[in-house]
Amino acid sequence: MTYHNLSESHVNPFDLSSRVAIVTGGNGGLGLAMARGLARAGAAIAIAARDDSKGGAAAKELNALASRARFLSVRRLIGIVVPKTDRGGNGGLRRL
C-alpha cells in the first residue's frame, strides 16, 4: 500500500470563494489556523478578537495569502450587535 504525503496547500475539498467566515479568536492559535484554512478555501475572513495589534497582524498575514481579511475588535462588535439584539438578557456582555 502506498501512502502519499499531501501538503495543506494542495488540498481544497470545497470552494468557499463566495462566502464570508467570521472567526472569533482568529488572531492566534487554533483560531488563526482555522482562518488560514478557510482563506485557502477562498473565503473572505472577518477576525473578531480582543487584541487590536494581534488582530491587525493576523489580517495582514491572511491578506498576503490572497484572502480578503478584516479585523474587527470584539468590543466594537458588541457595541454594534448588542444594542440591536439586547432585550435585557445579555448574559453580561456589556461588562466587556
N, C-alpha and C. Protein backbone atom coordinates (compact mmCIF):
# COMPACT_ATOMS: atom_id res chain seq x y z
N MET A 1 0.85 -1.18 0.00
CA MET A 1 0.00 0.00 0.00
C MET A 1 0.89 1.24 0.00
N THR A 2 0.57 2.20 -0.85
CA THR A 2 1.34 3.42 -0.97
C THR A 2 0.62 4.57 -0.30
N TYR A 3 1.34 5.30 0.52
CA TYR A 3 0.79 6.48 1.17
C TYR A 3 1.39 7.72 0.52
N HIS A 4 0.55 8.71 0.30
CA HIS A 4 1.01 9.96 -0.31
C HIS A 4 1.03 11.05 0.74
N ASN A 5 2.06 11.84 0.71
CA ASN A 5 2.16 12.98 1.63
C ASN A 5 1.48 14.18 0.98
N LEU A 6 0.33 14.57 1.49
CA LEU A 6 -0.42 15.70 0.94
C LEU A 6 -0.17 16.93 1.80
N SER A 7 0.33 17.97 1.20
CA SER A 7 0.52 19.21 1.95
C SER A 7 -0.80 19.97 1.98
N GLU A 8 -0.97 20.83 2.98
CA GLU A 8 -2.20 21.61 3.11
C GLU A 8 -2.49 22.44 1.88
N SER A 9 -1.46 22.97 1.26
CA SER A 9 -1.67 23.88 0.14
C SER A 9 -2.29 23.20 -1.08
N HIS A 10 -2.19 21.87 -1.17
CA HIS A 10 -2.74 21.16 -2.32
C HIS A 10 -4.12 20.58 -2.06
N VAL A 11 -4.57 20.60 -0.84
CA VAL A 11 -5.86 20.01 -0.50
C VAL A 11 -6.90 21.11 -0.38
N ASN A 12 -7.91 21.07 -1.24
CA ASN A 12 -9.02 22.02 -1.17
C ASN A 12 -10.29 21.28 -1.56
N PRO A 13 -10.90 20.57 -0.61
CA PRO A 13 -12.05 19.74 -0.94
C PRO A 13 -13.32 20.54 -1.20
N PHE A 14 -13.32 21.83 -0.93
CA PHE A 14 -14.51 22.64 -1.17
C PHE A 14 -14.11 24.06 -1.50
N ASP A 15 -15.02 24.76 -2.14
CA ASP A 15 -14.77 26.13 -2.59
C ASP A 15 -15.62 27.09 -1.76
N LEU A 16 -14.97 28.01 -1.06
CA LEU A 16 -15.67 28.99 -0.24
C LEU A 16 -15.52 30.41 -0.80
N SER A 17 -15.23 30.52 -2.09
CA SER A 17 -14.93 31.83 -2.67
C SER A 17 -16.08 32.82 -2.60
N SER A 18 -17.28 32.37 -2.44
CA SER A 18 -18.42 33.30 -2.35
C SER A 18 -18.93 33.44 -0.92
N ARG A 19 -18.12 33.02 0.06
CA ARG A 19 -18.56 33.02 1.46
C ARG A 19 -17.69 33.93 2.32
N VAL A 20 -18.28 34.34 3.45
CA VAL A 20 -17.55 35.10 4.46
C VAL A 20 -17.53 34.25 5.73
N ALA A 21 -16.35 34.07 6.30
CA ALA A 21 -16.20 33.32 7.55
C ALA A 21 -15.86 34.29 8.67
N ILE A 22 -16.63 34.25 9.75
CA ILE A 22 -16.32 35.05 10.93
C ILE A 22 -15.62 34.13 11.91
N VAL A 23 -14.38 34.46 12.25
CA VAL A 23 -13.57 33.60 13.12
C VAL A 23 -13.29 34.35 14.41
N THR A 24 -13.92 33.92 15.50
CA THR A 24 -13.64 34.54 16.79
C THR A 24 -12.33 33.97 17.31
N GLY A 25 -11.50 34.83 17.86
CA GLY A 25 -10.18 34.40 18.32
C GLY A 25 -9.26 34.07 17.17
N GLY A 26 -9.52 34.65 16.00
CA GLY A 26 -8.75 34.34 14.80
C GLY A 26 -7.41 35.04 14.72
N ASN A 27 -6.97 35.64 15.82
CA ASN A 27 -5.69 36.35 15.78
C ASN A 27 -4.53 35.51 16.30
N GLY A 28 -4.77 34.27 16.67
CA GLY A 28 -3.69 33.42 17.14
C GLY A 28 -4.16 32.00 17.41
N GLY A 29 -3.22 31.10 17.55
CA GLY A 29 -3.51 29.72 17.92
C GLY A 29 -4.43 29.01 16.94
N LEU A 30 -5.38 28.25 17.50
CA LEU A 30 -6.30 27.47 16.67
C LEU A 30 -7.19 28.34 15.81
N GLY A 31 -7.59 29.51 16.33
CA GLY A 31 -8.44 30.40 15.55
C GLY A 31 -7.74 30.89 14.29
N LEU A 32 -6.47 31.26 14.42
CA LEU A 32 -5.70 31.71 13.25
C LEU A 32 -5.47 30.55 12.28
N ALA A 33 -5.22 29.37 12.80
CA ALA A 33 -5.05 28.20 11.93
C ALA A 33 -6.34 27.94 11.15
N MET A 34 -7.48 28.05 11.81
CA MET A 34 -8.76 27.87 11.12
C MET A 34 -8.97 28.96 10.07
N ALA A 35 -8.63 30.20 10.42
CA ALA A 35 -8.77 31.30 9.47
C ALA A 35 -7.89 31.07 8.24
N ARG A 36 -6.69 30.55 8.44
CA ARG A 36 -5.79 30.26 7.31
C ARG A 36 -6.42 29.21 6.39
N GLY A 37 -6.96 28.15 6.99
CA GLY A 37 -7.59 27.09 6.20
C GLY A 37 -8.79 27.59 5.42
N LEU A 38 -9.61 28.41 6.06
CA LEU A 38 -10.78 28.98 5.37
C LEU A 38 -10.34 29.92 4.26
N ALA A 39 -9.27 30.69 4.50
CA ALA A 39 -8.75 31.59 3.48
C ALA A 39 -8.23 30.80 2.28
N ARG A 40 -7.54 29.69 2.55
CA ARG A 40 -7.04 28.85 1.44
C ARG A 40 -8.18 28.29 0.61
N ALA A 41 -9.34 28.09 1.24
CA ALA A 41 -10.50 27.58 0.52
C ALA A 41 -11.24 28.71 -0.20
N GLY A 42 -10.75 29.96 -0.06
CA GLY A 42 -11.31 31.07 -0.80
C GLY A 42 -12.24 31.99 -0.05
N ALA A 43 -12.50 31.72 1.22
CA ALA A 43 -13.43 32.56 1.98
C ALA A 43 -12.82 33.92 2.31
N ALA A 44 -13.67 34.92 2.38
CA ALA A 44 -13.27 36.21 2.95
C ALA A 44 -13.34 36.01 4.47
N ILE A 45 -12.41 36.59 5.20
CA ILE A 45 -12.31 36.33 6.64
C ILE A 45 -12.56 37.60 7.44
N ALA A 46 -13.44 37.49 8.43
CA ALA A 46 -13.63 38.56 9.42
C ALA A 46 -13.11 38.00 10.74
N ILE A 47 -12.04 38.59 11.25
CA ILE A 47 -11.46 38.15 12.50
C ILE A 47 -12.03 38.99 13.64
N ALA A 48 -12.62 38.33 14.61
CA ALA A 48 -13.13 39.02 15.80
C ALA A 48 -12.27 38.61 16.98
N ALA A 49 -11.59 39.58 17.59
CA ALA A 49 -10.70 39.28 18.71
C ALA A 49 -10.55 40.52 19.58
N ARG A 50 -9.97 40.32 20.75
CA ARG A 50 -9.82 41.42 21.71
C ARG A 50 -8.56 42.24 21.51
N ASP A 51 -7.49 41.63 21.06
CA ASP A 51 -6.19 42.31 20.95
C ASP A 51 -6.05 42.96 19.58
N ASP A 52 -6.09 44.30 19.56
CA ASP A 52 -6.04 45.05 18.30
C ASP A 52 -4.77 44.80 17.50
N SER A 53 -3.62 44.78 18.17
CA SER A 53 -2.36 44.62 17.43
C SER A 53 -2.23 43.22 16.83
N LYS A 54 -2.60 42.19 17.60
CA LYS A 54 -2.55 40.83 17.07
C LYS A 54 -3.59 40.62 15.97
N GLY A 55 -4.76 41.23 16.14
CA GLY A 55 -5.81 41.10 15.12
C GLY A 55 -5.39 41.74 13.81
N GLY A 56 -4.79 42.92 13.88
CA GLY A 56 -4.30 43.58 12.68
C GLY A 56 -3.21 42.79 11.98
N ALA A 57 -2.31 42.21 12.78
CA ALA A 57 -1.23 41.39 12.21
C ALA A 57 -1.79 40.14 11.53
N ALA A 58 -2.79 39.52 12.14
CA ALA A 58 -3.41 38.32 11.56
C ALA A 58 -4.10 38.67 10.24
N ALA A 59 -4.81 39.79 10.20
CA ALA A 59 -5.48 40.20 8.96
C ALA A 59 -4.45 40.48 7.87
N LYS A 60 -3.34 41.10 8.24
CA LYS A 60 -2.27 41.38 7.27
C LYS A 60 -1.71 40.07 6.71
N GLU A 61 -1.47 39.10 7.60
CA GLU A 61 -0.96 37.79 7.15
C GLU A 61 -1.95 37.12 6.20
N LEU A 62 -3.23 37.14 6.55
CA LEU A 62 -4.24 36.49 5.71
C LEU A 62 -4.39 37.19 4.37
N ASN A 63 -4.28 38.51 4.37
CA ASN A 63 -4.34 39.25 3.10
C ASN A 63 -3.17 38.91 2.19
N ALA A 64 -2.03 38.55 2.78
CA ALA A 64 -0.87 38.13 2.00
C ALA A 64 -1.12 36.78 1.32
N LEU A 65 -2.08 36.00 1.85
CA LEU A 65 -2.44 34.72 1.24
C LEU A 65 -3.45 34.90 0.11
N ALA A 66 -3.65 36.13 -0.34
CA ALA A 66 -4.63 36.47 -1.38
C ALA A 66 -6.05 36.30 -0.86
N SER A 67 -6.22 36.44 0.42
CA SER A 67 -7.54 36.39 1.02
C SER A 67 -8.03 37.81 1.25
N ARG A 68 -9.31 37.95 1.42
CA ARG A 68 -9.88 39.23 1.83
C ARG A 68 -10.14 39.10 3.32
N ALA A 69 -9.34 39.77 4.13
CA ALA A 69 -9.45 39.64 5.58
C ALA A 69 -9.58 41.01 6.22
N ARG A 70 -10.35 41.04 7.29
CA ARG A 70 -10.54 42.27 8.04
C ARG A 70 -10.62 41.93 9.53
N PHE A 71 -10.00 42.77 10.35
CA PHE A 71 -10.05 42.59 11.80
C PHE A 71 -11.12 43.51 12.38
N LEU A 72 -11.93 42.96 13.27
CA LEU A 72 -12.93 43.73 14.00
C LEU A 72 -12.76 43.47 15.48
N SER A 73 -12.60 44.52 16.25
CA SER A 73 -12.47 44.38 17.69
C SER A 73 -13.76 43.83 18.28
N VAL A 74 -13.63 42.89 19.21
CA VAL A 74 -14.81 42.32 19.86
C VAL A 74 -15.59 43.42 20.57
N ARG A 75 -14.89 44.35 21.18
CA ARG A 75 -15.58 45.47 21.85
C ARG A 75 -16.42 46.28 20.87
N ARG A 76 -15.88 46.50 19.68
CA ARG A 76 -16.62 47.25 18.66
C ARG A 76 -17.83 46.45 18.17
N LEU A 77 -17.65 45.15 17.96
CA LEU A 77 -18.75 44.30 17.52
C LEU A 77 -19.88 44.29 18.54
N ILE A 78 -19.52 44.20 19.82
CA ILE A 78 -20.54 44.20 20.87
C ILE A 78 -21.30 45.53 20.85
N GLY A 79 -20.58 46.62 20.61
CA GLY A 79 -21.22 47.92 20.54
C GLY A 79 -22.20 48.02 19.38
N ILE A 80 -21.97 47.26 18.33
CA ILE A 80 -22.85 47.26 17.16
C ILE A 80 -24.01 46.29 17.35
N VAL A 81 -23.71 45.07 17.79
CA VAL A 81 -24.70 44.00 17.85
C VAL A 81 -25.60 44.06 19.07
N VAL A 82 -25.04 44.25 20.25
CA VAL A 82 -25.82 44.17 21.48
C VAL A 82 -26.96 45.18 21.53
N PRO A 83 -26.74 46.45 21.20
CA PRO A 83 -27.86 47.38 21.26
C PRO A 83 -29.04 46.98 20.36
N LYS A 84 -28.74 46.28 19.27
CA LYS A 84 -29.79 45.87 18.34
C LYS A 84 -30.51 44.61 18.79
N THR A 85 -29.85 43.80 19.60
CA THR A 85 -30.43 42.50 19.96
C THR A 85 -30.74 42.35 21.44
N ASP A 86 -30.18 43.18 22.29
CA ASP A 86 -30.34 43.04 23.74
C ASP A 86 -31.77 43.33 24.17
N ARG A 87 -32.33 42.38 24.85
CA ARG A 87 -33.66 42.53 25.41
C ARG A 87 -33.62 42.39 26.92
N GLY A 88 -32.48 42.72 27.51
CA GLY A 88 -32.33 42.64 28.95
C GLY A 88 -31.63 41.38 29.42
N GLY A 89 -31.50 40.39 28.58
CA GLY A 89 -30.84 39.14 28.96
C GLY A 89 -29.52 38.98 28.24
N ASN A 90 -28.64 39.94 28.38
CA ASN A 90 -27.40 39.93 27.60
C ASN A 90 -26.32 39.02 28.16
N GLY A 91 -26.56 38.37 29.26
CA GLY A 91 -25.58 37.44 29.80
C GLY A 91 -24.29 38.12 30.22
N GLY A 92 -24.30 39.40 30.51
CA GLY A 92 -23.11 40.09 30.95
C GLY A 92 -22.25 40.66 29.85
N LEU A 93 -22.74 40.67 28.61
CA LEU A 93 -21.91 41.15 27.51
C LEU A 93 -21.50 42.61 27.67
N ARG A 94 -22.31 43.41 28.30
CA ARG A 94 -21.97 44.82 28.44
C ARG A 94 -20.77 45.03 29.35
N ARG A 95 -20.40 44.04 30.15
CA ARG A 95 -19.25 44.16 31.04
C ARG A 95 -17.94 44.18 30.28
N LEU A 96 -17.91 43.68 29.05
CA LEU A 96 -16.67 43.65 28.27
C LEU A 96 -16.28 45.08 27.97
